Amino acid sequence: MRAAIFCTMLLFVLTANSQVIFPSARLAIHGQVTDATGTPMAGVEILVTYAETKRIPRAAATDEAGTYSVSGLAAGRFVVTANLAGLREERKTLIIADARTNTADFTMTVLPIGDCPGINCETAPRSNLVEAERVLAQTWNLSMQRAGAFVNPGNATSRTEELRRQEVTRRLRALGKEAIPALILALKDPDIQMRRNGALVLADFAMGLTVEARPRLDIQEAVPDLTVALDDPDDLVRRFARIAINKMEHN
């Protein structure tokens, strides 16, 4: 009896110790964007980037009140960038933690003709890796689980989200294997939703399940990280990782 209890406890300890540990990702950054007169500005692109750790950035846009909110962040130092065509790019660096009010407000100014729009202007096009990261940056508040035939045509929100999923998958698939490193990065993100999305898209690429993911893509380079994801504390991450690995094993 004691031996059986000991074995059960040992199995529990080994299982618990095998899980991947992630930092808490419950923090958020809020803010408002206005023009020089104090008028709120809608449609300003916000990009939140981890400054000291390589992770998928987060993208958002201001609403009619000029406000934005990005959540699912771990504590740390961030660079927040506000950008709108024809206006000077603005950015701020801040450190967020549990006990802080994490706010980054911006005042946008008109860009003089011929001036560089950003603090560090890029003359070369973005690499495919950076492009893939920017695409995934739009999914921090979007589940990539497809609704398919279950989408209610009368539900505008559901339909819009499904179209976003299709567009994200299409854009990532167009980048081919160069999108895989960004998806691997998503697998390691502190935020559960980002890890789920990374594992799910990799599984979709391996299987060619959705139209946008076809033809199927060889994701062999992601297998080591998918194997680690089998010990993720989240059930869906583990499930999607297993599906992707099983498909690669049977190719």
Protein backbone atom coordinates (compact mmCIF):
# COMPACT_ATOMS: atom_id res chain seq x y z
CA MET A 1 0.00 0.00 0.00
CA ARG A 2 2.76 2.42 0.98
CA ALA A 3 4.65 1.51 -2.19
CA ALA A 4 1.58 2.30 -4.29
CA ILE A 5 1.12 5.66 -2.55
CA PHE A 6 4.81 6.48 -3.01
CA CYS A 7 4.64 5.66 -6.75
CA THR A 8 1.54 7.82 -7.16
CA MET A 9 3.22 10.75 -5.38
CA LEU A 10 6.39 10.29 -7.44
CA LEU A 11 4.40 10.31 -10.67
CA PHE A 12 2.66 13.50 -9.57
CA VAL A 13 5.98 15.20 -8.77
CA LEU A 14 7.56 14.14 -12.07
CA THR A 15 4.52 15.32 -14.01
CA ALA A 16 4.44 18.64 -12.20
CA ASN A 17 8.16 19.18 -12.67
CA SER A 18 7.94 18.44 -16.38
CA GLN A 19 5.59 21.33 -17.06
CA VAL A 20 7.05 24.40 -18.74
CA ILE A 21 6.93 27.43 -16.44
CA PHE A 22 5.92 30.78 -17.93
CA PRO A 23 5.88 34.21 -16.27
CA SER A 24 2.48 35.64 -15.46
CA ALA A 25 0.93 37.53 -18.39
CA ARG A 26 -1.89 39.44 -16.75
CA LEU A 27 -0.72 43.01 -17.21
CA ALA A 28 -1.89 45.65 -19.66
CA ILE A 29 -0.89 48.99 -21.16
CA HIS A 30 -3.56 51.63 -21.75
CA GLY A 31 -3.47 55.07 -23.26
CA GLN A 32 -5.01 57.80 -25.34
CA VAL A 33 -3.80 59.49 -28.51
CA THR A 34 -4.69 63.09 -29.31
CA ASP A 35 -3.58 65.76 -31.76
CA ALA A 36 -1.89 69.04 -30.81
CA THR A 37 -5.27 70.58 -29.90
CA GLY A 38 -6.18 67.73 -27.55
CA THR A 39 -8.71 66.17 -29.93
CA PRO A 40 -8.86 62.36 -29.70
CA MET A 41 -7.51 60.53 -32.75
CA ALA A 42 -9.06 57.30 -34.00
CA GLY A 43 -7.29 54.68 -36.12
CA VAL A 44 -3.77 55.34 -34.83
CA GLU A 45 -1.67 52.18 -35.02
CA ILE A 46 -0.19 51.14 -31.69
CA LEU A 47 2.67 48.64 -31.47
CA VAL A 48 3.78 47.31 -28.07
CA THR A 49 7.18 45.61 -28.15
CA TYR A 50 9.10 43.81 -25.40
CA ALA A 51 12.33 45.79 -25.08
CA GLU A 52 14.57 43.26 -23.37
CA THR A 53 13.17 39.85 -24.39
CA LYS A 54 12.55 38.56 -27.91
CA ARG A 55 8.79 38.01 -28.08
CA ILE A 56 5.91 38.60 -30.45
CA PRO A 57 4.87 42.29 -30.29
CA ARG A 58 1.25 43.37 -29.80
CA ALA A 59 -0.64 45.56 -32.23
CA ALA A 60 -3.79 47.61 -31.65
CA ALA A 61 -5.58 50.68 -32.99
CA THR A 62 -7.20 53.59 -31.18
CA ASP A 63 -11.00 53.84 -31.06
CA GLU A 64 -13.22 56.89 -31.62
CA ALA A 65 -12.21 58.23 -28.21
CA GLY A 66 -8.55 57.90 -29.15
CA THR A 67 -8.02 55.20 -26.54
CA TYR A 68 -6.36 51.80 -26.76
CA SER A 69 -5.60 48.88 -24.47
CA VAL A 70 -3.21 45.96 -24.90
CA SER A 71 -3.36 43.13 -22.37
CA GLY A 72 -1.80 39.69 -21.82
CA LEU A 73 1.63 41.14 -21.05
CA ALA A 74 4.29 39.94 -18.64
CA ALA A 75 6.11 42.41 -16.40
CA GLY A 76 9.07 44.11 -18.03
CA ARG A 77 10.30 47.01 -20.14
CA PHE A 78 8.33 47.91 -23.28
CA VAL A 79 8.55 50.26 -26.23
CA VAL A 80 5.15 51.61 -27.28
CA THR A 81 4.91 53.19 -30.73
CA ALA A 82 2.08 55.29 -32.16
CA ASN A 83 1.92 55.71 -35.92
CA LEU A 84 -0.48 57.21 -38.48
CA ALA A 85 0.25 58.13 -42.08
CA GLY A 86 1.15 61.79 -42.49
CA LEU A 87 2.01 62.25 -38.81
CA ARG A 88 5.28 61.97 -36.96
CA GLU A 89 5.81 58.59 -35.33
CA GLU A 90 5.89 58.78 -31.54
CA ARG A 91 7.26 56.26 -29.09
CA LYS A 92 7.70 55.81 -25.36
CA THR A 93 9.54 53.35 -23.17
CA LEU A 94 7.97 52.19 -19.92
CA ILE A 95 8.34 49.50 -17.31
CA ILE A 96 5.15 47.71 -16.29
CA ALA A 97 4.53 45.78 -13.09
CA ASP A 98 1.59 44.72 -10.93
CA ALA A 99 1.51 47.75 -8.68
CA ARG A 100 1.81 50.33 -11.46
CA THR A 101 -0.67 52.27 -13.59
CA ASN A 102 0.68 51.31 -16.98
CA THR A 103 -0.23 54.24 -19.21
CA ALA A 104 1.32 55.56 -22.41
CA ASP A 105 -0.43 58.62 -23.88
CA PHE A 106 0.65 60.30 -27.10
CA THR A 107 0.24 63.66 -28.81
CA MET A 108 0.60 63.37 -32.58
CA THR A 109 1.99 66.19 -34.72
CA VAL A 110 1.87 66.82 -38.45
CA LEU A 111 4.89 65.61 -40.36
CA PRO A 112 6.61 68.36 -42.41
CA ILE A 113 6.93 67.49 -46.09
CA GLY A 114 10.11 65.55 -46.75
CA ASP A 115 10.76 64.71 -43.11
CA CYS A 116 11.44 61.20 -41.88
CA PRO A 117 8.20 59.83 -40.33
CA GLY A 118 9.88 57.80 -37.58
CA ILE A 119 12.60 58.11 -34.99
CA ASN A 120 14.58 55.41 -36.76
CA CYS A 121 13.44 55.45 -40.37
CA GLU A 122 13.75 52.19 -42.26
CA THR A 123 14.84 52.47 -45.87
CA ALA A 124 14.86 48.72 -46.50
CA PRO A 125 11.70 46.57 -46.59
CA ARG A 126 10.91 44.46 -43.53
CA SER A 127 12.25 40.90 -43.50
CA ASN A 128 9.76 38.06 -43.78
CA LEU A 129 10.46 37.15 -40.15
CA VAL A 130 9.59 40.64 -38.96
CA GLU A 131 6.54 40.60 -41.23
CA ALA A 132 5.39 37.32 -39.69
CA GLU A 133 5.86 38.77 -36.20
CA ARG A 134 3.78 41.81 -37.18
CA VAL A 135 0.99 39.55 -38.48
CA LEU A 136 0.98 37.53 -35.25
CA ALA A 137 1.01 40.80 -33.31
CA GLN A 138 -2.61 41.22 -34.37
CA THR A 139 -3.73 37.94 -32.77
CA TRP A 140 -3.09 38.62 -29.06
CA ASN A 141 -6.85 39.13 -28.56
CA LEU A 142 -8.03 36.69 -31.24
CA SER A 143 -8.39 32.93 -31.02
CA MET A 144 -7.20 31.29 -34.24
CA GLN A 145 -9.61 28.35 -33.76
CA ARG A 146 -11.70 28.36 -36.90
CA ALA A 147 -15.48 28.48 -36.73
CA GLY A 148 -15.94 27.32 -40.35
CA ALA A 149 -19.52 26.34 -41.13
CA PHE A 150 -20.54 27.25 -37.58
CA VAL A 151 -20.21 30.99 -38.23
CA ASN A 152 -23.57 32.71 -37.82
CA PRO A 153 -24.00 34.92 -40.92
CA GLY A 154 -26.16 37.27 -38.86
CA ASN A 155 -23.50 37.78 -36.20
CA ALA A 156 -21.29 40.57 -37.49
CA THR A 157 -18.68 40.10 -34.75
CA SER A 158 -18.26 36.37 -35.41
CA ARG A 159 -18.05 36.95 -39.14
CA THR A 160 -15.45 39.70 -38.73
CA GLU A 161 -13.33 37.51 -36.45
CA GLU A 162 -13.49 34.62 -38.91
CA LEU A 163 -12.37 36.89 -41.75
CA ARG A 164 -9.47 38.06 -39.54
CA ARG A 165 -8.44 34.43 -38.93
CA GLN A 166 -8.51 33.70 -42.65
CA GLU A 167 -6.43 36.79 -43.44
CA VAL A 168 -3.85 36.02 -40.72
CA THR A 169 -3.48 32.43 -41.95
CA ARG A 170 -3.25 33.56 -45.58
CA ARG A 171 -0.57 36.15 -44.87
CA LEU A 172 1.53 33.78 -42.76
CA ARG A 173 1.24 30.97 -45.31
CA ALA A 174 2.35 33.35 -48.07
CA LEU A 175 5.63 33.80 -46.17
CA GLY A 176 6.25 30.03 -46.31
CA LYS A 177 8.91 28.56 -44.04
CA GLU A 178 10.12 32.03 -43.11
CA ALA A 179 7.00 32.35 -40.94
CA ILE A 180 7.95 29.31 -38.83
CA PRO A 181 10.50 31.08 -36.55
CA ALA A 182 7.81 33.62 -35.60
CA LEU A 183 5.35 30.81 -34.84
CA ILE A 184 8.01 29.11 -32.70
CA LEU A 185 8.41 32.42 -30.85
CA ALA A 186 4.65 32.47 -30.27
CA LEU A 187 4.91 28.99 -28.73
CA LYS A 188 7.18 30.44 -26.03
CA ASP A 189 5.08 33.50 -25.21
CA PRO A 190 3.94 34.08 -21.60
CA ASP A 191 0.37 34.66 -22.85
CA ILE A 192 -1.72 31.50 -23.25
CA GLN A 193 -3.67 32.80 -26.24
CA MET A 194 -0.50 33.57 -28.18
CA ARG A 195 0.87 30.08 -27.45
CA ARG A 196 -2.39 28.48 -28.54
CA ASN A 197 -2.35 30.45 -31.77
CA GLY A 198 1.25 29.49 -32.52
CA ALA A 199 0.60 25.78 -31.96
CA LEU A 200 -2.69 25.84 -33.87
CA VAL A 201 -1.31 27.59 -36.95
CA LEU A 202 1.65 25.18 -37.05
CA ALA A 203 -0.79 22.25 -36.90
CA ASP A 204 -2.88 23.83 -39.65
CA PHE A 205 0.21 24.30 -41.85
CA ALA A 206 1.27 20.69 -41.29
CA MET A 207 -2.18 19.33 -42.13
CA GLY A 208 -3.39 21.84 -44.70
CA LEU A 209 -6.70 21.74 -42.89
CA THR A 210 -7.95 25.15 -43.95
CA VAL A 211 -7.97 26.52 -47.48
CA GLU A 212 -5.67 29.39 -46.51
CA ALA A 213 -3.03 26.98 -45.13
CA ARG A 214 -2.69 24.97 -48.34
CA PRO A 215 -0.58 23.52 -49.75
CA ARG A 216 0.74 21.82 -46.63
CA LEU A 217 4.02 23.14 -45.26
CA ASP A 218 6.96 21.18 -43.88
CA ILE A 219 7.27 22.41 -40.28
CA GLN A 220 10.06 20.02 -39.28
CA GLU A 221 12.17 22.81 -37.78
CA ALA A 222 9.39 23.52 -35.29
CA VAL A 223 9.18 19.92 -33.99
CA PRO A 224 11.72 20.39 -31.12
CA ASP A 225 9.75 23.36 -29.80
CA LEU A 226 6.43 21.60 -30.36
CA THR A 227 7.82 18.71 -28.33
CA VAL A 228 8.57 21.10 -25.47
CA ALA A 229 5.02 22.44 -25.86
CA LEU A 230 3.71 18.97 -25.02
CA ASP A 231 4.53 19.93 -21.41
CA ASP A 232 2.74 23.29 -21.62
CA PRO A 233 0.44 23.95 -18.65
CA ASP A 234 -2.42 24.68 -21.07
CA ASP A 235 -4.41 21.73 -22.42
CA LEU A 236 -5.15 23.30 -25.82
CA VAL A 237 -1.50 24.16 -26.45
CA ARG A 238 -0.56 20.55 -25.68
CA ARG A 239 -3.35 19.24 -27.93
CA PHE A 240 -2.46 21.40 -30.91
CA ALA A 241 1.25 20.59 -30.50
CA ARG A 242 0.48 16.86 -30.47
CA ILE A 243 -1.62 17.16 -33.65
CA ALA A 244 1.22 18.97 -35.44
CA ILE A 245 3.84 16.43 -34.31
CA ASN A 246 1.67 13.44 -35.23
CA LYS A 247 1.19 14.84 -38.71
CA MET A 248 4.93 15.29 -39.20
CA GLU A 249 5.60 11.75 -37.92
CA HIS A 250 3.20 10.27 -40.47
CA ASN A 251 4.38 12.28 -43.48
